């Protein structure tokens, strides 16, 4: 059974209420597997998305659509 997280779009709705990301460069800290990144990536110029957990970054890169490869850069980065 597939799990749909936030099918109503409340997370992205709240995000877009706080800031206009249109055409901006974004640094996403704590991106996990990119679950939220996919939901706003089409509105921004570029995203550098980092997370300290390598497994999440690996999943994000595996799921990265070809059309977004020039826009999203997922990287493993620790915060120590």
Protein backbone atom coordinates (compact mmCIF):
# COMPACT_ATOMS: atom_id res chain seq x y z
CA UNK A 1 0.00 0.00 0.00
CA UNK A 2 1.40 3.37 -1.01
CA UNK A 3 1.53 6.09 1.62
CA UNK A 4 0.65 9.58 0.44
CA UNK A 5 2.10 12.22 2.73
CA UNK A 6 0.18 15.49 2.70
CA UNK A 7 -2.09 14.82 -0.30
CA UNK A 8 -3.91 18.10 0.42
CA UNK A 9 -0.73 20.12 -0.14
CA UNK A 10 -0.75 21.76 3.30
CA UNK A 11 3.04 21.71 3.62
CA UNK A 12 3.72 23.40 0.32
CA UNK A 13 0.77 25.74 0.84
CA UNK A 14 2.29 26.90 4.14
CA UNK A 15 5.72 27.23 2.52
CA UNK A 16 4.39 29.33 -0.37
CA UNK A 17 2.45 31.52 2.08
CA UNK A 18 5.73 32.35 3.86
CA UNK A 19 8.03 33.00 0.91
CA UNK A 20 7.94 33.52 -2.83
CA UNK A 21 10.41 31.00 -4.26
CA UNK A 22 9.78 31.88 -7.90
CA UNK A 23 13.07 31.93 -9.79
CA UNK A 24 15.20 31.88 -6.64
CA UNK A 25 18.22 29.83 -5.64
CA UNK A 26 17.32 27.71 -2.60
CA UNK A 27 19.43 25.99 0.06
CA UNK A 28 17.34 23.25 1.67
CA UNK A 29 18.90 22.01 4.90
CA UNK A 30 17.61 18.65 6.07
CA UNK A 31 16.08 17.52 2.79
CA UNK A 32 15.92 13.82 3.70
CA UNK A 33 14.96 11.85 0.60
CA UNK A 34 13.70 14.95 -1.23
CA UNK A 35 10.02 14.45 -0.43
CA UNK A 36 9.37 18.18 -0.09
CA UNK A 37 12.02 19.23 -2.63
CA UNK A 38 10.06 17.70 -5.53
CA UNK A 39 7.02 19.75 -4.58
CA UNK A 40 8.60 23.15 -5.12
CA UNK A 41 11.53 22.46 -7.49
CA UNK A 42 9.62 23.47 -10.61
CA UNK A 43 9.17 27.00 -9.23
CA UNK A 44 12.82 27.79 -8.37
CA UNK A 45 15.98 28.48 -10.36
CA UNK A 46 18.14 25.93 -8.50
CA UNK A 47 18.14 23.91 -5.29
CA UNK A 48 21.12 22.78 -3.24
CA UNK A 49 19.55 20.21 -0.91
CA UNK A 50 21.70 18.76 1.88
CA UNK A 51 21.19 16.16 4.58
CA UNK A 52 23.47 14.36 7.07
CA UNK A 53 21.97 10.94 6.30
CA UNK A 54 23.61 9.39 3.25
CA UNK A 55 20.79 6.85 2.70
CA UNK A 56 18.23 9.63 2.22
CA UNK A 57 20.47 11.44 -0.25
CA UNK A 58 21.02 8.20 -2.16
CA UNK A 59 17.24 7.70 -2.43
CA UNK A 60 16.75 11.31 -3.53
CA UNK A 61 19.38 11.00 -6.25
CA UNK A 62 17.91 7.68 -7.44
CA UNK A 63 14.48 9.31 -7.79
CA UNK A 64 15.74 12.52 -9.36
CA UNK A 65 13.88 13.00 -12.62
CA UNK A 66 15.98 13.78 -15.66
CA UNK A 67 14.09 17.02 -16.22
CA UNK A 68 15.22 18.27 -12.78
CA UNK A 69 18.88 17.17 -12.88
CA UNK A 70 20.03 20.63 -13.95
CA UNK A 71 17.95 22.26 -11.22
CA UNK A 72 18.44 20.08 -8.08
CA UNK A 73 21.73 19.09 -6.46
CA UNK A 74 21.32 16.60 -3.60
CA UNK A 75 24.39 16.30 -1.38
CA UNK A 76 25.34 14.41 1.73
CA UNK A 77 26.63 16.95 4.25
CA UNK A 78 27.07 16.59 8.00
CA UNK A 79 26.45 19.58 10.24
CA UNK A 80 29.15 19.13 12.87
